C-alpha atoms as a PDB file:
ATOM      1  CA  UNK A   1     -20.010 -12.738  45.443  1.00  0.00           C
ATOM      2  CA  UNK A   2     -23.383 -14.428  45.354  1.00  0.00           C
ATOM      3  CA  UNK A   3     -26.702 -12.773  45.071  1.00  0.00           C
ATOM      4  CA  UNK A   4     -27.848 -13.769  48.343  1.00  0.00           C
ATOM      5  CA  UNK A   5     -25.032 -13.611  51.341  1.00  0.00           C
ATOM      6  CA  UNK A   6     -24.917 -15.287  54.594  1.00  0.00           C
ATOM      7  CA  UNK A   7     -24.476 -13.827  58.101  1.00  0.00           C
ATOM      8  CA  UNK A   8     -21.755 -15.370  58.740  1.00  0.00           C
ATOM      9  CA  UNK A   9     -20.027 -14.474  54.910  1.00  0.00           C
ATOM     10  CA  UNK A  10     -20.551 -10.991  55.856  1.00  0.00           C
ATOM     11  CA  UNK A  11     -19.058 -10.984  59.318  1.00  0.00           C
ATOM     12  CA  UNK A  12     -16.110 -12.541  57.469  1.00  0.00           C
ATOM     13  CA  UNK A  13     -15.879  -9.957  54.674  1.00  0.00           C
ATOM     14  CA  UNK A  14     -15.961  -6.897  56.963  1.00  0.00           C
ATOM     15  CA  UNK A  15     -13.028  -4.450  56.789  1.00  0.00           C
ATOM     16  CA  UNK A  16     -12.015  -5.716  53.356  1.00  0.00           C
ATOM     17  CA  UNK A  17     -11.319  -2.877  51.162  1.00  0.00           C
ATOM     18  CA  UNK A  18     -13.833  -3.474  48.365  1.00  0.00           C
ATOM     19  CA  UNK A  19     -16.523  -4.253  50.670  1.00  0.00           C
ATOM     20  CA  UNK A  20     -19.888  -1.740  51.041  1.00  0.00           C
ATOM     21  CA  UNK A  21     -22.374  -2.414  53.210  1.00  0.00           C
ATOM     22  CA  UNK A  22     -25.677  -0.506  53.280  1.00  0.00           C
ATOM     23  CA  UNK A  23     -28.574  -0.361  54.952  1.00  0.00           C
ATOM     24  CA  UNK A  24     -31.598   0.517  52.507  1.00  0.00           C
ATOM     25  CA  UNK A  25     -34.560   0.040  55.303  1.00  0.00           C
ATOM     26  CA  UNK A  26     -37.577   2.059  53.749  1.00  0.00           C
ATOM     27  CA  UNK A  27     -40.082   2.260  56.856  1.00  0.00           C
ATOM     28  CA  UNK A  28     -43.040   4.261  57.501  1.00  0.00           C
ATOM     29  CA  UNK A  29     -41.270   5.279  60.848  1.00  0.00           C
ATOM     30  CA  UNK A  30     -37.457   7.012  61.316  1.00  0.00           C
ATOM     31  CA  UNK A  31     -35.384   4.687  59.504  1.00  0.00           C
ATOM     32  CA  UNK A  32     -32.154   6.930  59.176  1.00  0.00           C
ATOM     33  CA  UNK A  33     -32.652   7.006  63.104  1.00  0.00           C
ATOM     34  CA  UNK A  34     -32.637   3.271  63.320  1.00  0.00           C
ATOM     35  CA  UNK A  35     -29.482   3.247  61.612  1.00  0.00           C
ATOM     36  CA  UNK A  36     -28.215   5.546  63.903  1.00  0.00           C
ATOM     37  CA  UNK A  37     -29.185   3.693  66.873  1.00  0.00           C
ATOM     38  CA  UNK A  38     -27.719   0.673  65.940  1.00  0.00           C
ATOM     39  CA  UNK A  39     -26.330  -0.732  62.379  1.00  0.00           C
ATOM     40  CA  UNK A  40     -23.810  -3.894  61.047  1.00  0.00           C
ATOM     41  CA  UNK A  41     -20.654  -2.369  61.150  1.00  0.00           C
ATOM     42  CA  UNK A  42     -18.996  -0.125  58.479  1.00  0.00           C
ATOM     43  CA  UNK A  43     -22.600  -0.148  57.134  1.00  0.00           C
ATOM     44  CA  UNK A  44     -23.738   3.428  55.481  1.00  0.00           C
ATOM     45  CA  UNK A  45     -27.901   4.617  55.443  1.00  0.00           C
ATOM     46  CA  UNK A  46     -29.178   4.423  52.156  1.00  0.00           C
ATOM     47  CA  UNK A  47     -31.983   6.645  52.064  1.00  0.00           C
ATOM     48  CA  UNK A  48     -34.545   5.047  49.379  1.00  0.00           C
ATOM     49  CA  UNK A  49     -37.044   7.290  50.134  1.00  0.00           C
ATOM     50  CA  UNK A  50     -35.059  10.578  48.376  1.00  0.00           C
ATOM     51  CA  UNK A  51     -33.744   8.367  45.980  1.00  0.00           C
ATOM     52  CA  UNK A  52     -36.267   8.505  43.747  1.00  0.00           C
ATOM     53  CA  UNK A  53     -37.623  10.884  41.088  1.00  0.00           C
ATOM     54  CA  UNK A  54     -38.926  13.105  43.928  1.00  0.00           C
ATOM     55  CA  UNK A  55     -40.766  15.427  41.139  1.00  0.00           C
ATOM     56  CA  UNK A  56     -42.573  12.892  39.433  1.00  0.00           C
ATOM     57  CA  UNK A  57     -46.335  12.178  40.657  1.00  0.00           C
ATOM     58  CA  UNK A  58     -46.088   8.813  41.907  1.00  0.00           C
ATOM     59  CA  UNK A  59     -44.441   7.389  44.615  1.00  0.00           C
ATOM     60  CA  UNK A  60     -41.163   5.147  44.375  1.00  0.00           C
ATOM     61  CA  UNK A  61     -40.402   5.971  40.829  1.00  0.00           C
ATOM     62  CA  UNK A  62     -37.022   5.506  39.904  1.00  0.00           C
ATOM     63  CA  UNK A  63     -34.483   9.017  39.635  1.00  0.00           C
ATOM     64  CA  UNK A  64     -32.346  10.142  37.078  1.00  0.00           C
ATOM     65  CA  UNK A  65     -28.712   8.559  36.800  1.00  0.00           C
ATOM     66  CA  UNK A  66     -27.045  11.629  37.308  1.00  0.00           C
ATOM     67  CA  UNK A  67     -29.122  11.766  40.939  1.00  0.00           C
ATOM     68  CA  UNK A  68     -28.265   8.466  41.261  1.00  0.00           C
ATOM     69  CA  UNK A  69     -25.000   8.506  40.421  1.00  0.00           C
ATOM     70  CA  UNK A  70     -24.025  11.460  42.758  1.00  0.00           C
ATOM     71  CA  UNK A  71     -25.963  10.100  46.138  1.00  0.00           C
ATOM     72  CA  UNK A  72     -23.975   6.360  45.762  1.00  0.00           C
ATOM     73  CA  UNK A  73     -20.580   8.944  45.261  1.00  0.00           C
ATOM     74  CA  UNK A  74     -21.863  10.823  48.347  1.00  0.00           C
ATOM     75  CA  UNK A  75     -22.101   6.876  50.030  1.00  0.00           C
ATOM     76  CA  UNK A  76     -18.760   5.885  49.192  1.00  0.00           C
ATOM     77  CA  UNK A  77     -20.143   3.544  46.645  1.00  0.00           C
ATOM     78  CA  UNK A  78     -17.518   3.378  43.313  1.00  0.00           C
ATOM     79  CA  UNK A  79     -16.835   1.583  40.741  1.00  0.00           C
ATOM     80  CA  UNK A  80     -16.065  -2.304  41.330  1.00  0.00           C
ATOM     81  CA  UNK A  81     -17.203  -1.974  44.707  1.00  0.00           C
ATOM     82  CA  UNK A  82     -18.887  -4.984  46.152  1.00  0.00           C
ATOM     83  CA  UNK A  83     -22.243  -3.818  47.656  1.00  0.00           C
ATOM     84  CA  UNK A  84     -24.000  -5.754  50.256  1.00  0.00           C
ATOM     85  CA  UNK A  85     -27.593  -4.427  51.428  1.00  0.00           C
ATOM     86  CA  UNK A  86     -29.872  -5.166  54.022  1.00  0.00           C
ATOM     87  CA  UNK A  87     -32.822  -3.745  55.803  1.00  0.00           C
ATOM     88  CA  UNK A  88     -34.951  -4.179  58.790  1.00  0.00           C
ATOM     89  CA  UNK A  89     -38.883  -3.435  57.199  1.00  0.00           C
ATOM     90  CA  UNK A  90     -41.452  -5.828  56.778  1.00  0.00           C
ATOM     91  CA  UNK A  91     -41.320  -4.810  52.491  1.00  0.00           C
ATOM     92  CA  UNK A  92     -37.913  -6.056  52.216  1.00  0.00           C
ATOM     93  CA  UNK A  93     -36.871  -2.833  50.494  1.00  0.00           C
ATOM     94  CA  UNK A  94     -33.232  -4.031  50.054  1.00  0.00           C
ATOM     95  CA  UNK A  95     -34.514  -6.029  47.257  1.00  0.00           C
ATOM     96  CA  UNK A  96     -35.342  -2.357  45.787  1.00  0.00           C
ATOM     97  CA  UNK A  97     -32.440  -1.020  46.077  1.00  0.00           C
ATOM     98  CA  UNK A  98     -30.462  -4.033  44.154  1.00  0.00           C
ATOM     99  CA  UNK A  99     -33.139  -3.340  41.685  1.00  0.00           C
ATOM    100  CA  UNK A 100     -31.947   0.282  41.372  1.00  0.00           C
ATOM    101  CA  UNK A 101     -28.532  -0.580  41.730  1.00  0.00           C
ATOM    102  CA  UNK A 102     -28.119  -2.704  38.921  1.00  0.00           C
ATOM    103  CA  UNK A 103     -30.313  -0.360  36.716  1.00  0.00           C
ATOM    104  CA  UNK A 104     -27.678   1.867  37.530  1.00  0.00           C
ATOM    105  CA  UNK A 105     -24.695  -0.096  36.433  1.00  0.00           C
ATOM    106  CA  UNK A 106     -23.692  -2.130  39.684  1.00  0.00           C
ATOM    107  CA  UNK A 107     -23.622  -5.471  39.170  1.00  0.00           C
ATOM    108  CA  UNK A 108     -21.944  -7.009  42.486  1.00  0.00           C
ATOM    109  CA  UNK A 109     -24.704  -6.692  44.288  1.00  0.00           C
ATOM    110  CA  UNK A 110     -25.868  -8.788  46.891  1.00  0.00           C
ATOM    111  CA  UNK A 111     -28.540  -9.068  49.746  1.00  0.00           C
ATOM    112  CA  UNK A 112     -27.882  -9.795  53.216  1.00  0.00           C
ATOM    113  CA  UNK A 113     -30.485 -13.420  53.848  1.00  0.00           C
ATOM    114  CA  UNK A 114     -32.672 -12.856  56.997  1.00  0.00           C
ATOM    115  CA  UNK A 115     -31.491  -8.707  57.365  1.00  0.00           C
ATOM    116  CA  UNK A 116     -30.628  -7.250  60.555  1.00  0.00           C
ATOM    117  CA  UNK A 117     -32.707  -8.658  62.318  1.00  0.00           C
ATOM    118  CA  UNK A 118     -31.169 -11.844  61.505  1.00  0.00           C
ATOM    119  CA  UNK A 119     -28.228 -10.016  62.357  1.00  0.00           C
ATOM    120  CA  UNK A 120     -28.642  -8.912  65.768  1.00  0.00           C
ATOM    121  CA  UNK A 121     -30.861 -12.352  66.989  1.00  0.00           C
ATOM    122  CA  UNK A 122     -27.482 -14.172  66.495  1.00  0.00           C
ATOM    123  CA  UNK A 123     -25.400 -11.733  68.461  1.00  0.00           C
ATOM    124  CA  UNK A 124     -23.330 -10.312  66.135  1.00  0.00           C
ATOM    125  CA  UNK A 125     -21.861  -6.649  66.905  1.00  0.00           C
ATOM    126  CA  UNK A 126     -23.667  -3.776  66.102  1.00  0.00           C
ATOM    127  CA  UNK A 127     -22.683   0.194  66.156  1.00  0.00           C
ATOM    128  CA  UNK A 128     -23.973   3.749  66.679  1.00  0.00           C
ATOM    129  CA  UNK A 129     -23.890   6.952  64.851  1.00  0.00           C
ATOM    130  CA  UNK A 130     -23.249   7.695  61.458  1.00  0.00           C
ATOM    131  CA  UNK A 131     -20.903   6.613  58.721  1.00  0.00           C
ATOM    132  CA  UNK A 132     -19.339   8.820  56.395  1.00  0.00           C
ATOM    133  CA  UNK A 133     -16.746   7.525  53.506  1.00  0.00           C
ATOM    134  CA  UNK A 134     -14.335   9.146  50.983  1.00  0.00           C
ATOM    135  CA  UNK A 135     -16.378   9.903  47.902  1.00  0.00           C
ATOM    136  CA  UNK A 136     -15.354   8.258  45.067  1.00  0.00           C
ATOM    137  CA  UNK A 137     -16.148   8.189  41.482  1.00  0.00           C
ATOM    138  CA  UNK A 138     -19.447   6.068  40.602  1.00  0.00           C
ATOM    139  CA  UNK A 139     -19.868   6.026  36.847  1.00  0.00           C
ATOM    140  CA  UNK A 140     -23.761   8.172  35.520  1.00  0.00           C
ATOM    141  CA  UNK A 141     -24.978   4.987  33.453  1.00  0.00           C
ATOM    142  CA  UNK A 142     -28.448   3.424  32.992  1.00  0.00           C
ATOM    143  CA  UNK A 143     -29.764   0.176  31.518  1.00  0.00           C
ATOM    144  CA  UNK A 144     -33.110   0.059  31.067  1.00  0.00           C
ATOM    145  CA  UNK A 145     -33.311  -3.354  29.452  1.00  0.00           C
ATOM    146  CA  UNK A 146     -35.444  -4.579  33.447  1.00  0.00           C
ATOM    147  CA  UNK A 147     -38.030  -1.461  33.876  1.00  0.00           C
ATOM    148  CA  UNK A 148     -41.344  -1.360  32.399  1.00  0.00           C
ATOM    149  CA  UNK A 149     -43.241   1.986  31.157  1.00  0.00           C
ATOM    150  CA  UNK A 150     -47.079   1.893  31.343  1.00  0.00           C
ATOM    151  CA  UNK A 151     -47.236   1.926  26.771  1.00  0.00           C
ATOM    152  CA  UNK A 152     -44.771  -1.401  27.505  1.00  0.00           C
ATOM    153  CA  UNK A 153     -46.974  -2.899  29.871  1.00  0.00           C
ATOM    154  CA  UNK A 154     -50.593  -1.947  27.794  1.00  0.00           C
ATOM    155  CA  UNK A 155     -48.694  -3.674  24.338  1.00  0.00           C
ATOM    156  CA  UNK A 156     -48.238  -6.335  26.217  1.00  0.00           C
ATOM    157  CA  UNK A 157     -51.678  -6.935  26.942  1.00  0.00           C
ATOM    158  CA  UNK A 158     -52.308  -7.682  23.541  1.00  0.00           C
ATOM    159  CA  UNK A 159     -48.889  -9.741  23.290  1.00  0.00           C
ATOM    160  CA  UNK A 160     -48.397 -11.690  25.927  1.00  0.00           C
ATOM    161  CA  UNK A 161     -45.026 -12.179  26.101  1.00  0.00           C
ATOM    162  CA  UNK A 162     -44.141 -11.386  29.429  1.00  0.00           C
ATOM    163  CA  UNK A 163     -46.270 -12.893  32.762  1.00  0.00           C
ATOM    164  CA  UNK A 164     -47.205 -10.240  34.499  1.00  0.00           C
ATOM    165  CA  UNK A 165     -46.760 -10.970  38.148  1.00  0.00           C
ATOM    166  CA  UNK A 166     -47.974  -8.608  41.549  1.00  0.00           C
ATOM    167  CA  UNK A 167     -46.553  -8.750  44.401  1.00  0.00           C
ATOM    168  CA  UNK A 168     -49.615  -7.027  46.463  1.00  0.00           C
ATOM    169  CA  UNK A 169     -51.897  -8.510  48.956  1.00  0.00           C
ATOM    170  CA  UNK A 170     -54.732 -11.278  47.450  1.00  0.00           C
ATOM    171  CA  UNK A 171     -57.074  -8.874  49.085  1.00  0.00           C
ATOM    172  CA  UNK A 172     -55.665  -5.362  46.793  1.00  0.00           C
ATOM    173  CA  UNK A 173     -55.306  -7.975  43.771  1.00  0.00           C
ATOM    174  CA  UNK A 174     -58.641  -8.916  43.631  1.00  0.00           C
ATOM    175  CA  UNK A 175     -60.226  -5.812  44.394  1.00  0.00           C
ATOM    176  CA  UNK A 176     -61.532  -6.719  47.664  1.00  0.00           C
ATOM    177  CA  UNK A 177     -59.338  -4.268  49.631  1.00  0.00           C
ATOM    178  CA  UNK A 178     -59.856  -0.527  48.663  1.00  0.00           C
ATOM    179  CA  UNK A 179     -56.358   0.719  47.242  1.00  0.00           C
ATOM    180  CA  UNK A 180     -54.760   2.903  49.925  1.00  0.00           C
ATOM    181  CA  UNK A 181     -53.532   5.837  47.668  1.00  0.00           C
ATOM    182  CA  UNK A 182     -56.444   8.180  46.713  1.00  0.00           C
ATOM    183  CA  UNK A 183     -57.754   8.566  43.184  1.00  0.00           C
ATOM    184  CA  UNK A 184     -56.419   4.847  42.642  1.00  0.00           C
ATOM    185  CA  UNK A 185     -58.945   2.105  42.176  1.00  0.00           C
ATOM    186  CA  UNK A 186     -58.698  -1.450  43.254  1.00  0.00           C
ATOM    187  CA  UNK A 187     -58.026  -4.377  40.931  1.00  0.00           C
ATOM    188  CA  UNK A 188     -55.255  -5.481  38.849  1.00  0.00           C
ATOM    189  CA  UNK A 189     -53.633  -5.898  35.753  1.00  0.00           C
ATOM    190  CA  UNK A 190     -55.664  -8.114  33.127  1.00  0.00           C
ATOM    191  CA  UNK A 191     -54.164 -11.615  33.088  1.00  0.00           C
ATOM    192  CA  UNK A 192     -51.879 -10.871  35.576  1.00  0.00           C
ATOM    193  CA  UNK A 193     -50.720 -13.671  38.497  1.00  0.00           C
ATOM    194  CA  UNK A 194     -50.945 -12.855  41.699  1.00  0.00           C
ATOM    195  CA  UNK A 195     -47.638 -13.984  43.999  1.00  0.00           C
ATOM    196  CA  UNK A 196     -47.801 -11.926  47.257  1.00  0.00           C
ATOM    197  CA  UNK A 197     -44.335 -11.373  48.105  1.00  0.00           C
ATOM    198  CA  UNK A 198     -44.230 -13.103  52.138  1.00  0.00           C
ATOM    199  CA  UNK A 199     -44.503 -15.834  49.958  1.00  0.00           C
ATOM    200  CA  UNK A 200     -40.788 -15.680  49.262  1.00  0.00           C
ATOM    201  CA  UNK A 201     -40.013 -15.822  52.880  1.00  0.00           C
ATOM    202  CA  UNK A 202     -39.549 -18.386  55.537  1.00  0.00           C
ATOM    203  CA  UNK A 203     -40.828 -18.396  59.025  1.00  0.00           C
ATOM    204  CA  UNK A 204     -37.646 -16.574  60.151  1.00  0.00           C
ATOM    205  CA  UNK A 205     -37.517 -14.164  57.894  1.00  0.00           C
ATOM    206  CA  UNK A 206     -35.205 -15.872  55.596  1.00  0.00           C
ATOM    207  CA  UNK A 207     -35.414 -16.144  51.874  1.00  0.00           C
ATOM    208  CA  UNK A 208     -36.740 -19.424  50.420  1.00  0.00           C
ATOM    209  CA  UNK A 209     -34.493 -21.352  48.101  1.00  0.00           C
ATOM    210  CA  UNK A 210     -34.552 -23.683  45.310  1.00  0.00           C
ATOM    211  CA  UNK A 211     -37.155 -25.999  45.314  1.00  0.00           C
ATOM    212  CA  UNK A 212     -39.234 -24.296  47.626  1.00  0.00           C
ATOM    213  CA  UNK A 213     -38.856 -20.702  45.943  1.00  0.00           C
ATOM    214  CA  UNK A 214     -39.698 -22.262  42.643  1.00  0.00           C
ATOM    215  CA  UNK A 215     -43.034 -23.768  43.938  1.00  0.00           C
ATOM    216  CA  UNK A 216     -43.700 -20.100  45.401  1.00  0.00           C
ATOM    217  CA  UNK A 217     -43.584 -19.150  41.845  1.00  0.00           C
ATOM    218  CA  UNK A 218     -45.507 -22.193  40.218  1.00  0.00           C
ATOM    219  CA  UNK A 219     -48.094 -22.066  43.087  1.00  0.00           C
ATOM    220  CA  UNK A 220     -49.332 -19.043  41.501  1.00  0.00           C
ATOM    221  CA  UNK A 221     -49.319 -20.036  38.193  1.00  0.00           C
ATOM    222  CA  UNK A 222     -46.033 -18.219  37.165  1.00  0.00           C
ATOM    223  CA  UNK A 223     -43.641 -20.262  35.165  1.00  0.00           C
ATOM    224  CA  UNK A 224     -39.469 -19.198  36.234  1.00  0.00           C
ATOM    225  CA  UNK A 225     -38.615 -20.588  32.633  1.00  0.00           C
ATOM    226  CA  UNK A 226     -40.571 -17.927  30.554  1.00  0.00           C
ATOM    227  CA  UNK A 227     -40.648 -13.846  30.871  1.00  0.00           C
ATOM    228  CA  UNK A 228     -41.541 -12.546  33.590  1.00  0.00           C
ATOM    229  CA  UNK A 229     -42.409  -8.294  34.892  1.00  0.00           C
ATOM    230  CA  UNK A 230     -43.520  -7.795  38.631  1.00  0.00           C
ATOM    231  CA  UNK A 231     -45.519  -4.951  39.418  1.00  0.00           C
ATOM    232  CA  UNK A 232     -47.036  -3.834  43.098  1.00  0.00           C
ATOM    233  CA  UNK A 233     -48.576  -0.618  44.702  1.00  0.00           C
ATOM    234  CA  UNK A 234     -45.356   1.690  43.826  1.00  0.00           C
ATOM    235  CA  UNK A 235     -42.335  -0.883  42.941  1.00  0.00           C
ATOM    236  CA  UNK A 236     -41.159  -2.134  46.145  1.00  0.00           C
ATOM    237  CA  UNK A 237     -42.716  -5.057  46.262  1.00  0.00           C
ATOM    238  CA  UNK A 238     -42.277  -5.612  43.021  1.00  0.00           C
ATOM    239  CA  UNK A 239     -38.556  -5.957  43.427  1.00  0.00           C
ATOM    240  CA  UNK A 240     -38.549  -8.398  46.148  1.00  0.00           C
ATOM    241  CA  UNK A 241     -40.604 -10.705  43.278  1.00  0.00           C
ATOM    242  CA  UNK A 242     -37.919  -9.674  40.433  1.00  0.00           C
ATOM    243  CA  UNK A 243     -34.918 -10.670  43.350  1.00  0.00           C
ATOM    244  CA  UNK A 244     -36.680 -14.125  43.923  1.00  0.00           C
ATOM    245  CA  UNK A 245     -36.776 -14.534  40.049  1.00  0.00           C
ATOM    246  CA  UNK A 246     -32.984 -13.641  39.372  1.00  0.00           C
ATOM    247  CA  UNK A 247     -32.653 -16.407  42.376  1.00  0.00           C
ATOM    248  CA  UNK A 248     -34.056 -18.775  39.868  1.00  0.00           C
ATOM    249  CA  UNK A 249     -31.918 -17.513  36.926  1.00  0.00           C
ATOM    250  CA  UNK A 250     -34.997 -15.659  35.330  1.00  0.00           C
ATOM    251  CA  UNK A 251     -33.844 -11.533  34.688  1.00  0.00           C
ATOM    252  CA  UNK A 252     -37.338 -10.362  35.829  1.00  0.00           C
ATOM    253  CA  UNK A 253     -38.061  -6.993  34.429  1.00  0.00           C
ATOM    254  CA  UNK A 254     -40.012  -4.674  36.931  1.00  0.00           C
ATOM    255  CA  UNK A 255     -42.559  -2.037  36.567  1.00  0.00           C
ATOM    256  CA  UNK A 256     -41.975   1.064  37.842  1.00  0.00           C
ATOM    257  CA  UNK A 257     -45.059   2.841  37.582  1.00  0.00           C
ATOM    258  CA  UNK A 258     -46.745  -0.347  38.972  1.00  0.00           C
ATOM    259  CA  UNK A 259     -50.401   0.270  40.045  1.00  0.00           C
ATOM    260  CA  UNK A 260     -49.906   3.657  42.002  1.00  0.00           C
ATOM    261  CA  UNK A 261     -50.130   4.174  37.927  1.00  0.00           C
ATOM    262  CA  UNK A 262     -51.976   2.170  36.258  1.00  0.00           C
ATOM    263  CA  UNK A 263     -55.209   1.758  38.375  1.00  0.00           C
ATOM    264  CA  UNK A 264     -54.988   5.937  38.955  1.00  0.00           C
ATOM    265  CA  UNK A 265     -55.151   5.886  34.577  1.00  0.00           C
ATOM    266  CA  UNK A 266     -58.624   5.906  33.128  1.00  0.00           C
ATOM    267  CA  UNK A 267     -57.835   4.647  29.890  1.00  0.00           C
ATOM    268  CA  UNK A 268     -55.861   1.389  31.438  1.00  0.00           C
ATOM    269  CA  UNK A 269     -58.779  -1.687  31.777  1.00  0.00           C
ATOM    270  CA  UNK A 270     -59.171  -2.909  35.561  1.00  0.00           C
ATOM    271  CA  UNK A 271     -59.675  -6.934  36.493  1.00  0.00           C
ATOM    272  CA  UNK A 272     -61.020  -7.243  39.763  1.00  0.00           C
ATOM    273  CA  UNK A 273     -61.305 -11.268  41.555  1.00  0.00           C
ATOM    274  CA  UNK A 274     -59.040 -13.769  41.508  1.00  0.00           C
ATOM    275  CA  UNK A 275     -56.547 -14.404  38.467  1.00  0.00           C
END
């Protein structure tokens, strides 16, 4: 299964025994209610707001491997499942779910190109209500090679072993816009590049691919042939950049704490202005 799948392909696969479809929408409104009103046939709802370390002081940070595995079992996901993710979020939150699933041991994971908006625009079938699948075994496992911590990001200031790419808007990156979180300073990690995550998409909401996708990174001063770590406000749109890099063959890491951690820490240096 490709990392990015089409609506045509997904429609042809619905009903196969090993396929699991997840609505991974996270929005300010009622994503669960939207799912119950209409979703792709067979899909279950993945609550990303709840699937986090809710005891952590930072938003959206990764949960424990045990919590993640438990939630996947409840959703009917098991070892060996082929998983397709979609969303209808302006922040393309299915990429965050993709990053989490791969971190916690699922490898056959794809994102639906164009998401639910494309599916609906094409007049494809939807259904309402909730769907419950029987529990399956999902092994408790985690691989943190794609996750970066605050200490690792501090060390990277000196080593510059990884290019740091920030997915936030230019205004938040340069510091001309105040951070929306209380106690978080404006600006960016010194030496980082700004690639606003929206630059990775076509006007119709589908992903740029090939040369067009590579150009988006290069225009931001990023060399996709070299190591990358992505960051944003809280690790969500950083995952969008990580998925884009994956499509180009670069297994980028994600700084999970992102600017909500770095910007609130008095010990970290902050830069303002353009990169």
